[in-house]
Amino acid sequence: MEMSTDPKQLLVTRPQPQADAWVRELRAHGVPAHALPLLQIEAAAEPSAHAAWASLADHALVVFVSPNAVQTFFALRTAQVAWPAATLAGSTGPGTTQALRAAGVPPQQIVEPPREPAQFDSEALWQGLSGRRWTQKRVLVVRGDGGREWLGEQLRDAGAQVEFVRTYRRVAPRWSAAQQALAEQALREPQHSVWLLSSSQASAHLRTLLPHARWSSAQAWATHERIAEAARALGFGVVRIVAPTQQAVVDAWGRSIQFNAPPDQRP
């Protein structure tokens, strides 16, 4: 769905430090982005996550559902433990892949979705995993609290022995006075702000962070259909889906500006 109003700012709602990294990149490409996190990540590793490093070489695959999963899992590593040469690392998207490479996982051991999928998610990752043999192979899925079971179910159906470990939890953020003011300004002038939503749970936090808000005139860009559904349920008047990459957001911003420009100013 194309925008029918003239956006002036993009509110990046990813958790920190990802939000600031996205803002820097988007601003470098001319998008007036501001960080307004709707999630806060807290390390919350269960004992099995600590123990997993000792048996990592026994696993054929370790799946990481997000950059946060990578960062919190690798924070548990003792200095002398290297990534095993025969263990694959599964990534659900480019941000997670970047985090894995930064953590020292060899690129040739990373399995990720195709570069141009419809979405970056478990279904897209399964495209790269489904052709392999998983019978009696051990697989570890590193995630936050909750999370979907879908990929684990596919791997189990393919014969794998799947374990899940939690290394972090998602909580509502504690906004600064400046962030609260930014949100209130966006509510007063909803036609000039776009909320970039990357989590259904983050969308739900808007109910408690801004309980008085009316969203019927507000605009949201969601990075997955499930997130779009959550935004519509919240009451956003305009919801569109954009791929969860910085370039896709830059391109979408450019299209929205062109769409809303006066006819004699359009390219």
C-alpha atoms as a PDB file:
ATOM      1  CA  MET A   1       0.000   0.000   0.000  1.00  0.00           C
ATOM      2  CA  GLU A   2       1.481   3.367  -0.975  1.00  0.00           C
ATOM      3  CA  MET A   3       1.598   6.308   1.363  1.00  0.00           C
ATOM      4  CA  SER A   4      -1.080   8.982   0.996  1.00  0.00           C
ATOM      5  CA  THR A   5       0.687  11.556   3.149  1.00  0.00           C
ATOM      6  CA  ASP A   6       4.065  13.275   3.214  1.00  0.00           C
ATOM      7  CA  PRO A   7       6.466  11.584   5.674  1.00  0.00           C
ATOM      8  CA  LYS A   8       9.122  13.714   7.354  1.00  0.00           C
ATOM      9  CA  GLN A   9      10.813  11.223   9.680  1.00  0.00           C
ATOM     10  CA  LEU A  10      11.322   7.501  10.080  1.00  0.00           C
ATOM     11  CA  LEU A  11      11.213   6.058  13.599  1.00  0.00           C
ATOM     12  CA  VAL A  12      13.500   3.024  13.914  1.00  0.00           C
ATOM     13  CA  THR A  13      12.114   0.831  16.691  1.00  0.00           C
ATOM     14  CA  ARG A  14      14.761  -1.915  16.814  1.00  0.00           C
ATOM     15  CA  PRO A  15      16.490  -2.510  20.158  1.00  0.00           C
ATOM     16  CA  GLN A  16      19.797  -0.830  20.902  1.00  0.00           C
ATOM     17  CA  PRO A  17      22.505  -0.858  19.713  1.00  0.00           C
ATOM     18  CA  GLN A  18      20.899  -2.009  16.453  1.00  0.00           C
ATOM     19  CA  ALA A  19      18.627   1.047  16.295  1.00  0.00           C
ATOM     20  CA  ASP A  20      21.549   3.499  16.318  1.00  0.00           C
ATOM     21  CA  ALA A  21      23.411   1.459  13.699  1.00  0.00           C
ATOM     22  CA  TRP A  22      20.366   1.531  11.420  1.00  0.00           C
ATOM     23  CA  VAL A  23      19.895   5.263  11.972  1.00  0.00           C
ATOM     24  CA  ARG A  24      23.502   5.994  10.994  1.00  0.00           C
ATOM     25  CA  GLU A  25      23.204   3.955   7.803  1.00  0.00           C
ATOM     26  CA  LEU A  26      19.811   5.353   6.828  1.00  0.00           C
ATOM     27  CA  ARG A  27      20.882   8.945   7.433  1.00  0.00           C
ATOM     28  CA  ALA A  28      23.952   8.357   5.275  1.00  0.00           C
ATOM     29  CA  HIS A  29      21.494   7.619   2.459  1.00  0.00           C
ATOM     30  CA  GLY A  30      19.345  10.662   3.072  1.00  0.00           C
ATOM     31  CA  VAL A  31      16.596   9.149   5.222  1.00  0.00           C
ATOM     32  CA  PRO A  32      15.689  11.352   8.243  1.00  0.00           C
ATOM     33  CA  ALA A  33      15.742   8.468  10.717  1.00  0.00           C
ATOM     34  CA  HIS A  34      15.533   8.581  14.514  1.00  0.00           C
ATOM     35  CA  ALA A  35      16.015   5.792  17.043  1.00  0.00           C
ATOM     36  CA  LEU A  36      12.963   5.039  19.176  1.00  0.00           C
ATOM     37  CA  PRO A  37      13.434   1.466  20.480  1.00  0.00           C
ATOM     38  CA  LEU A  38      10.341  -0.521  21.356  1.00  0.00           C
ATOM     39  CA  LEU A  39      12.358  -3.419  22.775  1.00  0.00           C
ATOM     40  CA  GLN A  40      15.170  -3.713  25.277  1.00  0.00           C
ATOM     41  CA  ILE A  41      17.352  -6.815  25.254  1.00  0.00           C
ATOM     42  CA  GLU A  42      18.489  -8.288  28.553  1.00  0.00           C
ATOM     43  CA  ALA A  43      20.936 -11.167  28.854  1.00  0.00           C
ATOM     44  CA  ALA A  44      19.108 -14.085  30.451  1.00  0.00           C
ATOM     45  CA  ALA A  45      21.043 -17.250  29.646  1.00  0.00           C
ATOM     46  CA  GLU A  46      19.736 -20.481  31.094  1.00  0.00           C
ATOM     47  CA  PRO A  47      22.286 -23.032  32.414  1.00  0.00           C
ATOM     48  CA  SER A  48      22.040 -25.165  29.278  1.00  0.00           C
ATOM     49  CA  ALA A  49      23.260 -22.197  27.215  1.00  0.00           C
ATOM     50  CA  HIS A  50      26.463 -22.038  29.253  1.00  0.00           C
ATOM     51  CA  ALA A  51      26.930 -25.799  28.935  1.00  0.00           C
ATOM     52  CA  ALA A  52      26.314 -25.735  25.176  1.00  0.00           C
ATOM     53  CA  TRP A  53      29.783 -24.379  24.438  1.00  0.00           C
ATOM     54  CA  ALA A  54      31.386 -27.521  25.863  1.00  0.00           C
ATOM     55  CA  SER A  55      29.477 -29.748  23.434  1.00  0.00           C
ATOM     56  CA  LEU A  56      29.328 -27.424  20.440  1.00  0.00           C
ATOM     57  CA  ALA A  57      31.449 -29.708  18.271  1.00  0.00           C
ATOM     58  CA  ASP A  58      28.855 -32.469  18.736  1.00  0.00           C
ATOM     59  CA  HIS A  59      26.267 -30.374  16.901  1.00  0.00           C
ATOM     60  CA  ALA A  60      25.910 -30.380  13.133  1.00  0.00           C
ATOM     61  CA  LEU A  61      24.126 -27.036  13.229  1.00  0.00           C
ATOM     62  CA  VAL A  62      23.555 -24.120  15.602  1.00  0.00           C
ATOM     63  CA  VAL A  63      20.733 -21.810  14.527  1.00  0.00           C
ATOM     64  CA  PHE A  64      20.726 -18.182  15.632  1.00  0.00           C
ATOM     65  CA  VAL A  65      17.374 -16.443  15.331  1.00  0.00           C
ATOM     66  CA  SER A  66      18.696 -12.865  15.554  1.00  0.00           C
ATOM     67  CA  PRO A  67      21.818 -10.747  16.073  1.00  0.00           C
ATOM     68  CA  ASN A  68      20.894 -10.652  19.764  1.00  0.00           C
ATOM     69  CA  ALA A  69      21.054 -14.451  19.877  1.00  0.00           C
ATOM     70  CA  VAL A  70      24.572 -14.316  18.435  1.00  0.00           C
ATOM     71  CA  GLN A  71      25.820 -11.622  20.777  1.00  0.00           C
ATOM     72  CA  THR A  72      24.402 -13.116  23.970  1.00  0.00           C
ATOM     73  CA  PHE A  73      25.500 -16.667  23.092  1.00  0.00           C
ATOM     74  CA  PHE A  74      29.056 -15.656  22.221  1.00  0.00           C
ATOM     75  CA  ALA A  75      29.245 -13.621  25.423  1.00  0.00           C
ATOM     76  CA  LEU A  76      29.157 -16.974  27.246  1.00  0.00           C
ATOM     77  CA  ARG A  77      32.200 -18.343  25.389  1.00  0.00           C
ATOM     78  CA  THR A  78      35.432 -18.831  27.251  1.00  0.00           C
ATOM     79  CA  ALA A  79      38.453 -17.389  25.487  1.00  0.00           C
ATOM     80  CA  GLN A  80      39.982 -20.734  24.515  1.00  0.00           C
ATOM     81  CA  VAL A  81      36.920 -22.124  22.711  1.00  0.00           C
ATOM     82  CA  ALA A  82      36.923 -21.732  18.918  1.00  0.00           C
ATOM     83  CA  TRP A  83      33.993 -22.333  16.607  1.00  0.00           C
ATOM     84  CA  PRO A  84      34.129 -26.042  15.634  1.00  0.00           C
ATOM     85  CA  ALA A  85      35.250 -26.738  12.080  1.00  0.00           C
ATOM     86  CA  ALA A  86      32.415 -29.211  11.369  1.00  0.00           C
ATOM     87  CA  THR A  87      29.546 -27.196  12.900  1.00  0.00           C
ATOM     88  CA  LEU A  88      27.348 -25.018  10.716  1.00  0.00           C
ATOM     89  CA  ALA A  89      25.869 -21.739  11.943  1.00  0.00           C
ATOM     90  CA  GLY A  90      22.335 -20.996  10.743  1.00  0.00           C
ATOM     91  CA  SER A  91      21.353 -17.356  10.216  1.00  0.00           C
ATOM     92  CA  THR A  92      17.862 -15.996   9.594  1.00  0.00           C
ATOM     93  CA  GLY A  93      19.041 -12.819   7.841  1.00  0.00           C
ATOM     94  CA  PRO A  94      21.864 -10.426   6.949  1.00  0.00           C
ATOM     95  CA  GLY A  95      22.053  -8.798  10.385  1.00  0.00           C
ATOM     96  CA  THR A  96      22.536 -12.160  12.044  1.00  0.00           C
ATOM     97  CA  THR A  97      25.092 -13.166   9.426  1.00  0.00           C
ATOM     98  CA  GLN A  98      27.046  -9.972  10.049  1.00  0.00           C
ATOM     99  CA  ALA A  99      27.026 -10.677  13.795  1.00  0.00           C
ATOM    100  CA  LEU A 100      28.270 -14.236  13.220  1.00  0.00           C
ATOM    101  CA  ARG A 101      31.137 -13.045  11.046  1.00  0.00           C
ATOM    102  CA  ALA A 102      32.052 -10.400  13.614  1.00  0.00           C
ATOM    103  CA  ALA A 103      32.108 -13.158  16.248  1.00  0.00           C
ATOM    104  CA  GLY A 104      34.614 -15.136  14.187  1.00  0.00           C
ATOM    105  CA  VAL A 105      32.473 -17.801  12.523  1.00  0.00           C
ATOM    106  CA  PRO A 106      34.039 -18.634   9.131  1.00  0.00           C
ATOM    107  CA  PRO A 107      31.779 -17.424   6.291  1.00  0.00           C
ATOM    108  CA  GLN A 108      31.822 -20.847   4.606  1.00  0.00           C
ATOM    109  CA  GLN A 109      30.191 -22.353   7.710  1.00  0.00           C
ATOM    110  CA  ILE A 110      27.265 -19.927   7.750  1.00  0.00           C
ATOM    111  CA  VAL A 111      23.992 -21.035   6.177  1.00  0.00           C
ATOM    112  CA  GLU A 112      21.570 -18.188   5.467  1.00  0.00           C
ATOM    113  CA  PRO A 113      18.494 -17.440   3.351  1.00  0.00           C
ATOM    114  CA  PRO A 114      18.891 -16.494  -0.281  1.00  0.00           C
ATOM    115  CA  ARG A 115      19.961 -12.873  -0.679  1.00  0.00           C
ATOM    116  CA  GLU A 116      16.636 -11.806  -2.207  1.00  0.00           C
ATOM    117  CA  PRO A 117      13.926 -13.784  -0.406  1.00  0.00           C
ATOM    118  CA  ALA A 118      10.398 -12.482   0.096  1.00  0.00           C
ATOM    119  CA  GLN A 119      11.203 -12.385   3.822  1.00  0.00           C
ATOM    120  CA  PHE A 120      14.121 -13.095   6.108  1.00  0.00           C
ATOM    121  CA  ASP A 121      12.749 -15.622   8.587  1.00  0.00           C
ATOM    122  CA  SER A 122      12.807 -19.269   9.600  1.00  0.00           C
ATOM    123  CA  GLU A 123      10.968 -20.288   6.453  1.00  0.00           C
ATOM    124  CA  ALA A 124      13.602 -18.598   4.294  1.00  0.00           C
ATOM    125  CA  LEU A 125      16.440 -20.243   6.243  1.00  0.00           C
ATOM    126  CA  TRP A 126      14.799 -23.626   5.806  1.00  0.00           C
ATOM    127  CA  GLN A 127      15.244 -23.227   2.049  1.00  0.00           C
ATOM    128  CA  GLY A 128      18.983 -23.463   2.621  1.00  0.00           C
ATOM    129  CA  LEU A 129      18.732 -26.328   5.102  1.00  0.00           C
ATOM    130  CA  SER A 130      16.043 -28.595   3.688  1.00  0.00           C
ATOM    131  CA  GLY A 131      18.290 -30.183   1.056  1.00  0.00           C
ATOM    132  CA  ARG A 132      20.746 -31.512   3.631  1.00  0.00           C
ATOM    133  CA  ARG A 133      20.598 -34.804   5.509  1.00  0.00           C
ATOM    134  CA  TRP A 134      19.572 -34.321   9.168  1.00  0.00           C
ATOM    135  CA  THR A 135      18.875 -37.859  10.365  1.00  0.00           C
ATOM    136  CA  GLN A 136      20.300 -38.298  13.872  1.00  0.00           C
ATOM    137  CA  LYS A 137      22.134 -34.954  13.623  1.00  0.00           C
ATOM    138  CA  ARG A 138      22.169 -32.732  16.704  1.00  0.00           C
ATOM    139  CA  VAL A 139      20.874 -29.209  16.207  1.00  0.00           C
ATOM    140  CA  LEU A 140      20.867 -26.339  18.691  1.00  0.00           C
ATOM    141  CA  VAL A 141      18.567 -23.307  18.325  1.00  0.00           C
ATOM    142  CA  VAL A 142      19.668 -20.183  20.193  1.00  0.00           C
ATOM    143  CA  ARG A 143      16.857 -17.730  20.859  1.00  0.00           C
ATOM    144  CA  GLY A 144      15.240 -15.348  23.308  1.00  0.00           C
ATOM    145  CA  ASP A 145      12.284 -15.987  25.569  1.00  0.00           C
ATOM    146  CA  GLY A 146       9.380 -17.482  23.694  1.00  0.00           C
ATOM    147  CA  GLY A 147       9.878 -17.629  19.967  1.00  0.00           C
ATOM    148  CA  ARG A 148       8.483 -19.826  17.239  1.00  0.00           C
ATOM    149  CA  GLU A 149       8.921 -23.597  17.104  1.00  0.00           C
ATOM    150  CA  TRP A 150       8.413 -23.866  13.336  1.00  0.00           C
ATOM    151  CA  LEU A 151      12.027 -24.389  12.237  1.00  0.00           C
ATOM    152  CA  GLY A 152      12.665 -26.862  15.030  1.00  0.00           C
ATOM    153  CA  GLU A 153       9.622 -28.829  13.927  1.00  0.00           C
ATOM    154  CA  GLN A 154      10.896 -28.988  10.341  1.00  0.00           C
ATOM    155  CA  LEU A 155      14.288 -30.232  11.505  1.00  0.00           C
ATOM    156  CA  ARG A 156      12.739 -32.838  13.795  1.00  0.00           C
ATOM    157  CA  ASP A 157      10.520 -34.047  10.973  1.00  0.00           C
ATOM    158  CA  ALA A 158      13.724 -34.430   8.928  1.00  0.00           C
ATOM    159  CA  GLY A 159      15.212 -36.656  11.640  1.00  0.00           C
ATOM    160  CA  ALA A 160      17.305 -34.164  13.624  1.00  0.00           C
ATOM    161  CA  GLN A 161      17.647 -34.079  17.402  1.00  0.00           C
ATOM    162  CA  VAL A 162      16.730 -30.485  18.211  1.00  0.00           C
ATOM    163  CA  GLU A 163      17.423 -28.574  21.412  1.00  0.00           C
ATOM    164  CA  PHE A 164      16.492 -24.975  22.265  1.00  0.00           C
ATOM    165  CA  VAL A 165      18.414 -22.651  24.562  1.00  0.00           C
ATOM    166  CA  ARG A 166      17.463 -19.179  25.744  1.00  0.00           C
ATOM    167  CA  THR A 167      20.194 -16.569  26.044  1.00  0.00           C
ATOM    168  CA  TYR A 168      18.197 -13.331  26.324  1.00  0.00           C
ATOM    169  CA  ARG A 169      14.790 -11.859  26.935  1.00  0.00           C
ATOM    170  CA  ARG A 170      12.914  -8.962  25.374  1.00  0.00           C
ATOM    171  CA  VAL A 171      11.391  -6.385  27.685  1.00  0.00           C
ATOM    172  CA  ALA A 172       9.746  -3.010  27.243  1.00  0.00           C
ATOM    173  CA  PRO A 173      12.300  -0.194  26.956  1.00  0.00           C
ATOM    174  CA  ARG A 174      12.737   2.642  29.424  1.00  0.00           C
ATOM    175  CA  TRP A 175      12.456   5.738  27.289  1.00  0.00           C
ATOM    176  CA  SER A 176      14.408   8.883  28.034  1.00  0.00           C
ATOM    177  CA  ALA A 177      12.616  12.217  28.217  1.00  0.00           C
ATOM    178  CA  ALA A 178      13.842  12.994  24.700  1.00  0.00           C
ATOM    179  CA  GLN A 179      12.499   9.694  23.354  1.00  0.00           C
ATOM    180  CA  GLN A 180       9.151  10.238  25.035  1.00  0.00           C
ATOM    181  CA  ALA A 181       8.977  13.698  23.487  1.00  0.00           C
ATOM    182  CA  LEU A 182       9.804  12.258  20.064  1.00  0.00           C
ATOM    183  CA  ALA A 183       6.986   9.725  20.387  1.00  0.00           C
ATOM    184  CA  GLU A 184       4.499  12.361  21.529  1.00  0.00           C
ATOM    185  CA  GLN A 185       5.456  14.606  18.618  1.00  0.00           C
ATOM    186  CA  ALA A 186       4.891  11.697  16.225  1.00  0.00           C
ATOM    187  CA  LEU A 187       1.425  11.216  17.681  1.00  0.00           C
ATOM    188  CA  ARG A 188       0.547  14.888  17.285  1.00  0.00           C
ATOM    189  CA  GLU A 189       1.577  14.880  13.624  1.00  0.00           C
ATOM    190  CA  PRO A 190       1.005  11.263  12.527  1.00  0.00           C
ATOM    191  CA  GLN A 191       1.041  12.139   8.834  1.00  0.00           C
ATOM    192  CA  HIS A 192       4.694  13.183   9.081  1.00  0.00           C
ATOM    193  CA  SER A 193       6.094  10.066  10.805  1.00  0.00           C
ATOM    194  CA  VAL A 194       6.591   6.454   9.750  1.00  0.00           C
ATOM    195  CA  TRP A 195       7.069   3.789  12.408  1.00  0.00           C
ATOM    196  CA  LEU A 196       9.480   1.087  11.190  1.00  0.00           C
ATOM    197  CA  LEU A 197       8.356  -2.024  13.078  1.00  0.00           C
ATOM    198  CA  SER A 198      10.582  -5.109  13.214  1.00  0.00           C
ATOM    199  CA  SER A 199       8.875  -7.136  15.956  1.00  0.00           C
ATOM    200  CA  SER A 200       5.307  -8.062  16.856  1.00  0.00           C
ATOM    201  CA  GLN A 201       6.238  -7.877  20.532  1.00  0.00           C
ATOM    202  CA  ALA A 202       7.649  -4.395  20.007  1.00  0.00           C
ATOM    203  CA  SER A 203       4.343  -3.342  18.483  1.00  0.00           C
ATOM    204  CA  ALA A 204       2.542  -4.651  21.545  1.00  0.00           C
ATOM    205  CA  HIS A 205       4.725  -2.486  23.791  1.00  0.00           C
ATOM    206  CA  LEU A 206       3.199   0.593  22.169  1.00  0.00           C
ATOM    207  CA  ARG A 207       0.000  -0.181  24.075  1.00  0.00           C
ATOM    208  CA  THR A 208       1.757   0.344  27.407  1.00  0.00           C
ATOM    209  CA  LEU A 209       4.276   2.998  26.358  1.00  0.00           C
ATOM    210  CA  LEU A 210       1.599   5.176  24.731  1.00  0.00           C
ATOM    211  CA  PRO A 211      -1.709   4.004  26.210  1.00  0.00           C
ATOM    212  CA  HIS A 212      -3.542   7.178  25.164  1.00  0.00           C
ATOM    213  CA  ALA A 213      -2.492   6.949  21.512  1.00  0.00           C
ATOM    214  CA  ARG A 214      -4.910   6.749  18.631  1.00  0.00           C
ATOM    215  CA  TRP A 215      -3.271   5.034  15.687  1.00  0.00           C
ATOM    216  CA  SER A 216      -5.872   5.425  12.963  1.00  0.00           C
ATOM    217  CA  SER A 217      -3.910   8.243  11.279  1.00  0.00           C
ATOM    218  CA  ALA A 218      -0.480   6.718  11.908  1.00  0.00           C
ATOM    219  CA  GLN A 219       1.721   4.949   9.349  1.00  0.00           C
ATOM    220  CA  ALA A 220       3.779   1.808   9.880  1.00  0.00           C
ATOM    221  CA  TRP A 221       6.268  -0.103   7.780  1.00  0.00           C
ATOM    222  CA  ALA A 222       6.516  -3.690   8.960  1.00  0.00           C
ATOM    223  CA  THR A 223       9.353  -6.064   8.103  1.00  0.00           C
ATOM    224  CA  HIS A 224       7.139  -9.177   8.056  1.00  0.00           C
ATOM    225  CA  GLU A 225       3.490  -9.997   7.436  1.00  0.00           C
ATOM    226  CA  ARG A 226       3.070 -11.167  11.063  1.00  0.00           C
ATOM    227  CA  ILE A 227       4.318  -7.777  12.245  1.00  0.00           C
ATOM    228  CA  ALA A 228       2.007  -6.033   9.784  1.00  0.00           C
ATOM    229  CA  GLU A 229      -0.920  -7.979  11.243  1.00  0.00           C
ATOM    230  CA  ALA A 230       0.051  -6.836  14.742  1.00  0.00           C
ATOM    231  CA  ALA A 231       0.228  -3.219  13.567  1.00  0.00           C
ATOM    232  CA  ARG A 232      -3.206  -3.466  11.968  1.00  0.00           C
ATOM    233  CA  ALA A 233      -4.594  -4.986  15.165  1.00  0.00           C
ATOM    234  CA  LEU A 234      -3.159  -2.059  17.106  1.00  0.00           C
ATOM    235  CA  GLY A 235      -5.059   0.282  14.799  1.00  0.00           C
ATOM    236  CA  PHE A 236      -2.458   1.743  12.435  1.00  0.00           C
ATOM    237  CA  GLY A 237      -4.293   3.367   9.555  1.00  0.00           C
ATOM    238  CA  VAL A 238      -1.599   2.727   6.933  1.00  0.00           C
ATOM    239  CA  VAL A 239       0.537  -0.422   7.044  1.00  0.00           C
ATOM    240  CA  ARG A 240       2.904  -1.621   4.349  1.00  0.00           C
ATOM    241  CA  ILE A 241       5.524  -4.350   4.281  1.00  0.00           C
ATOM    242  CA  VAL A 242       9.162  -3.606   3.543  1.00  0.00           C
ATOM    243  CA  ALA A 243      12.026  -6.098   3.475  1.00  0.00           C
ATOM    244  CA  PRO A 244      14.180  -6.046   6.647  1.00  0.00           C
ATOM    245  CA  THR A 245      17.283  -4.563   5.047  1.00  0.00           C
ATOM    246  CA  GLN A 246      18.575  -1.026   5.188  1.00  0.00           C
ATOM    247  CA  GLN A 247      18.674  -0.774   1.403  1.00  0.00           C
ATOM    248  CA  ALA A 248      15.043  -1.870   1.130  1.00  0.00           C
ATOM    249  CA  VAL A 249      14.045   0.830   3.605  1.00  0.00           C
ATOM    250  CA  VAL A 250      16.079   3.454   1.720  1.00  0.00           C
ATOM    251  CA  ASP A 251      14.379   2.434  -1.517  1.00  0.00           C
ATOM    252  CA  ALA A 252      10.930   2.460   0.071  1.00  0.00           C
ATOM    253  CA  TRP A 253      11.560   5.918   1.506  1.00  0.00           C
ATOM    254  CA  GLY A 254      12.576   7.217  -1.887  1.00  0.00           C
ATOM    255  CA  ARG A 255       9.447   5.772  -3.479  1.00  0.00           C
ATOM    256  CA  SER A 256       7.205   7.290  -0.811  1.00  0.00           C
ATOM    257  CA  ILE A 257       8.706  10.741  -1.310  1.00  0.00           C
ATOM    258  CA  GLN A 258       8.290  10.475  -5.094  1.00  0.00           C
ATOM    259  CA  PHE A 259       4.708   9.247  -4.700  1.00  0.00           C
ATOM    260  CA  ASN A 260       3.750  12.216  -2.534  1.00  0.00           C
ATOM    261  CA  ALA A 261       5.586  14.894  -4.511  1.00  0.00           C
ATOM    262  CA  PRO A 262       3.505  17.301  -6.615  1.00  0.00           C
ATOM    263  CA  PRO A 263       3.137  15.985 -10.200  1.00  0.00           C
ATOM    264  CA  ASP A 264       5.466  18.632 -11.634  1.00  0.00           C
ATOM    265  CA  GLN A 265       8.203  17.631  -9.128  1.00  0.00           C
ATOM    266  CA  ARG A 266       8.131  13.851  -9.684  1.00  0.00           C
ATOM    267  CA  PRO A 267      10.993  12.239 -11.593  1.00  0.00           C
END
